[in-house]
Structure formats: C-alpha cells, structure tokens
Amino acid sequence: MALREMAGQVVAVEPFGYEQLQHLGLPVYRGLDELPPTLLFDGAVMVEVLEHLRDPHDLLRGLQLRLKPGGWLLLTTPNPRGLAAMLRRDRWGSASNAGHILFYAASTLTRLLCDHGFTDIKQTRWLLRFPNVSPVRAVIQSGLQLFHLGGGLRFLAFKA
C-alpha cells in the first residue's frame, strides 16, 4: 500500500496471496502470463521470490519484457553468505524452510541478472533498522548489513 501511496499505479503479481491483495483493492494477477500484453512497468519489486523457484529464467525473462526501457527491478533474497548462514549452516532459518529451493551468492545473482539483460546492477546497502532491539544489537545488525553479512541480499538493476 505504501508503494501505491507514493508511486501511483501498482499492479501485483502474486499466486499465493491473490485473494488478500484483491480484497485490498489492488489489481492482481496470479502470474506474469495473465497480464494484458500491452501492460509495461516503470519498475518491479520482487521480494523473497527467487529462492522458491527451481528455474528463475522464465520469470526474469518475463520481467525484462514487461519493463519499459530504463525500468528498474528491486530484488531481495536470503543471503547464504550472511553471518547467520555461515555459522548455523543447515540450521539457518532460510535453509530449513522447505519452500526454499535455491540460494544465490551475490556474484551468482549479478551474473543471472546480467544474463537476462539487466545493467547497472548494484547490491544495495540500505540499512534497515529493526525495532525493539538493544543499542548494541542495533549496531551489530547495521554492521552486518554494511558489510553484506546480513540475512538478506538486496539488488537494484535496470533494463537497458
């Protein structure tokens, strides 16, 4: 809803939360293949999706086709090279989620986006502040994010 308030028109593609988004009044589709063929976007947000896909190529190809020239993609996915993942290994929360199929290192994700025609690919360093944590923990969490050792990868990429 924040995107709608800030950016104007928002269209959702969500196979699992379809009814909830529809109830909120958003135009929603279950898949990219359901979108009207002439509908193009200035940008796309893909939050915690790639790790659920056996083969991300169709989705990335479809997104590339749906973005206007210069359009952007903001993508997040769990970080398998984050400190928690390295320390906890198979007990890492994301690794123990049965729906998570593949994890991507930052270099692999960069190459994947590049292979699908995205340019100016940047791993972002937007520091997220977590509520209700001690000042010491807040500093640790900020440091982990700053050095890309936090729990998630965040990328911004553009269509040529």
Protein backbone atom coordinates (compact mmCIF):
# COMPACT_ATOMS: atom_id res chain seq x y z
CA MET A 1 0.00 0.00 0.00
CA ALA A 2 2.95 2.34 0.63
CA LEU A 3 4.02 1.96 -3.00
CA ARG A 4 0.56 2.87 -4.17
CA GLU A 5 0.57 6.00 -2.00
CA MET A 6 3.99 7.07 -3.24
CA ALA A 7 4.12 5.85 -6.81
CA GLY A 8 0.66 5.93 -8.25
CA GLN A 9 -0.48 2.82 -10.09
CA VAL A 10 0.57 -0.52 -8.59
CA VAL A 11 -0.17 -3.92 -10.09
CA ALA A 12 0.55 -7.08 -8.11
CA VAL A 13 1.54 -10.49 -9.43
CA GLU A 14 1.05 -12.94 -6.57
CA PRO A 15 -0.04 -16.56 -6.93
CA PHE A 16 -0.39 -17.26 -3.20
CA GLY A 17 -1.72 -14.01 -1.68
CA TYR A 18 -4.02 -13.29 -4.61
CA GLU A 19 -7.28 -13.09 -2.63
CA GLN A 20 -5.82 -10.89 0.11
CA LEU A 21 -4.41 -8.39 -2.39
CA GLN A 22 -7.65 -8.42 -4.34
CA HIS A 23 -9.52 -7.69 -1.09
CA LEU A 24 -7.25 -4.65 -0.57
CA GLY A 25 -8.38 -3.33 -3.93
CA LEU A 26 -5.17 -3.88 -5.87
CA PRO A 27 -5.22 -5.06 -9.45
CA VAL A 28 -3.71 -8.51 -9.01
CA TYR A 29 -2.76 -11.39 -11.29
CA ARG A 30 -1.62 -14.91 -10.42
CA GLY A 31 1.25 -14.87 -12.94
CA LEU A 32 3.05 -12.69 -15.47
CA ASP A 33 1.37 -14.65 -18.25
CA GLU A 34 -2.04 -13.29 -17.11
CA LEU A 35 -1.04 -9.63 -17.56
CA PRO A 36 -2.52 -7.78 -20.53
CA PRO A 37 0.09 -7.89 -23.33
CA THR A 38 0.38 -4.10 -23.60
CA LEU A 39 0.94 -3.50 -19.88
CA LEU A 40 4.50 -2.27 -19.21
CA PHE A 41 6.05 -1.10 -15.95
CA ASP A 42 8.48 1.58 -14.81
CA GLY A 43 9.69 -0.75 -12.10
CA ALA A 44 9.19 -4.10 -10.42
CA VAL A 45 9.69 -5.23 -6.84
CA MET A 46 10.45 -8.90 -6.27
CA VAL A 47 10.72 -9.65 -2.55
CA GLU A 48 11.86 -13.11 -1.43
CA VAL A 49 10.80 -14.92 -4.62
CA LEU A 50 13.88 -16.33 -6.39
CA GLU A 51 14.75 -18.79 -3.65
CA HIS A 52 11.40 -20.53 -4.22
CA LEU A 53 11.98 -21.20 -7.93
CA ARG A 54 13.68 -24.22 -9.48
CA ASP A 55 14.37 -22.20 -12.62
CA PRO A 56 14.26 -18.38 -12.37
CA HIS A 57 14.97 -17.81 -16.07
CA ASP A 58 11.35 -17.65 -17.27
CA LEU A 59 10.43 -15.18 -14.55
CA LEU A 60 13.41 -12.91 -15.21
CA ARG A 61 12.83 -13.09 -18.96
CA GLY A 62 9.17 -12.19 -18.40
CA LEU A 63 10.07 -9.28 -16.12
CA GLN A 64 12.59 -7.99 -18.66
CA LEU A 65 9.87 -7.97 -21.33
CA ARG A 66 7.42 -6.14 -19.04
CA LEU A 67 9.77 -3.31 -18.05
CA LYS A 68 9.92 -0.10 -20.03
CA PRO A 69 13.38 0.95 -21.32
CA GLY A 70 15.30 2.20 -18.30
CA GLY A 71 12.88 0.36 -15.99
CA TRP A 72 14.19 -1.00 -12.73
CA LEU A 73 14.00 -4.18 -10.69
CA LEU A 74 14.41 -4.25 -6.91
CA LEU A 75 15.06 -7.81 -5.81
CA THR A 76 15.61 -9.33 -2.37
CA THR A 77 16.51 -12.88 -1.42
CA PRO A 78 18.10 -14.61 1.61
CA ASN A 79 21.88 -14.25 1.89
CA PRO A 80 23.60 -17.67 2.03
CA ARG A 81 26.89 -15.90 2.77
CA GLY A 82 25.50 -13.92 5.68
CA LEU A 83 26.95 -14.45 9.13
CA ALA A 84 23.93 -16.40 10.42
CA ALA A 85 24.00 -18.70 7.38
CA MET A 86 27.72 -19.35 7.76
CA LEU A 87 27.51 -20.01 11.49
CA ARG A 88 24.29 -22.01 11.61
CA ARG A 89 24.68 -23.81 8.25
CA ASP A 90 21.81 -26.31 7.85
CA ARG A 91 20.15 -24.88 10.99
CA TRP A 92 19.99 -21.44 9.34
CA GLY A 93 16.34 -20.38 9.25
CA SER A 94 16.19 -19.90 5.49
CA ALA A 95 17.91 -23.25 4.84
CA SER A 96 15.38 -25.08 7.00
CA ASN A 97 12.41 -23.56 5.11
CA ALA A 98 11.12 -26.37 2.88
CA GLY A 99 9.89 -23.86 0.29
CA HIS A 100 13.39 -22.51 -0.28
CA ILE A 101 14.94 -24.40 -3.17
CA LEU A 102 17.95 -22.37 -4.34
CA PHE A 103 20.13 -19.75 -2.71
CA TYR A 104 22.22 -17.24 -4.62
CA ALA A 105 25.56 -15.73 -3.76
CA ALA A 106 25.78 -12.05 -4.72
CA SER A 107 28.12 -12.83 -7.63
CA THR A 108 25.76 -15.51 -8.99
CA LEU A 109 22.78 -13.21 -8.72
CA THR A 110 24.68 -10.45 -10.51
CA ARG A 111 25.57 -12.82 -13.35
CA LEU A 112 21.98 -14.10 -13.55
CA LEU A 113 20.59 -10.57 -13.85
CA CYS A 114 23.25 -9.66 -16.41
CA ASP A 115 22.43 -12.77 -18.46
CA HIS A 116 18.84 -11.55 -18.66
CA GLY A 117 19.72 -8.12 -19.99
CA PHE A 118 19.82 -6.10 -16.79
CA THR A 119 22.52 -3.47 -16.46
CA ASP A 120 23.84 -1.13 -13.79
CA ILE A 121 23.36 -3.94 -11.26
CA LYS A 122 24.07 -2.84 -7.69
CA GLN A 123 23.95 -4.67 -4.41
CA THR A 124 22.36 -2.06 -2.19
CA ARG A 125 23.45 -1.07 1.28
CA TRP A 126 20.18 0.30 2.59
CA LEU A 127 20.44 -0.06 6.32
CA LEU A 128 17.28 -1.49 7.83
CA ARG A 129 16.57 -0.59 11.43
CA PHE A 130 14.95 -3.30 13.48
CA PRO A 131 12.54 -2.14 16.19
CA ASN A 132 12.78 -3.09 19.84
CA VAL A 133 16.42 -4.18 19.87
CA SER A 134 19.14 -3.06 22.25
CA PRO A 135 21.58 -0.39 21.06
CA VAL A 136 24.38 -2.98 20.93
CA ARG A 137 22.32 -5.32 18.77
CA ALA A 138 21.30 -2.42 16.52
CA VAL A 139 24.99 -1.59 15.91
CA ILE A 140 25.78 -5.25 15.16
CA GLN A 141 22.85 -5.54 12.74
CA SER A 142 23.88 -2.32 10.97
CA GLY A 143 27.48 -3.57 10.67
CA LEU A 144 26.35 -6.89 9.22
CA GLN A 145 24.24 -5.10 6.63
CA LEU A 146 27.02 -2.64 5.80
CA PHE A 147 29.44 -5.48 5.03
CA HIS A 148 26.79 -7.60 3.24
CA LEU A 149 26.80 -10.19 6.02
CA GLY A 150 23.16 -9.66 7.00
CA GLY A 151 20.35 -12.09 6.38
CA GLY A 152 19.26 -10.74 3.02
CA LEU A 153 20.63 -9.66 -0.33
CA ARG A 154 19.12 -6.57 -1.93
CA PHE A 155 19.81 -5.71 -5.56
CA LEU A 156 18.76 -2.92 -7.85
CA ALA A 157 19.13 -3.48 -11.59
CA PHE A 158 17.99 -1.61 -14.69
CA LYS A 159 16.75 -2.61 -18.11
CA ALA A 160 18.99 -1.31 -20.87
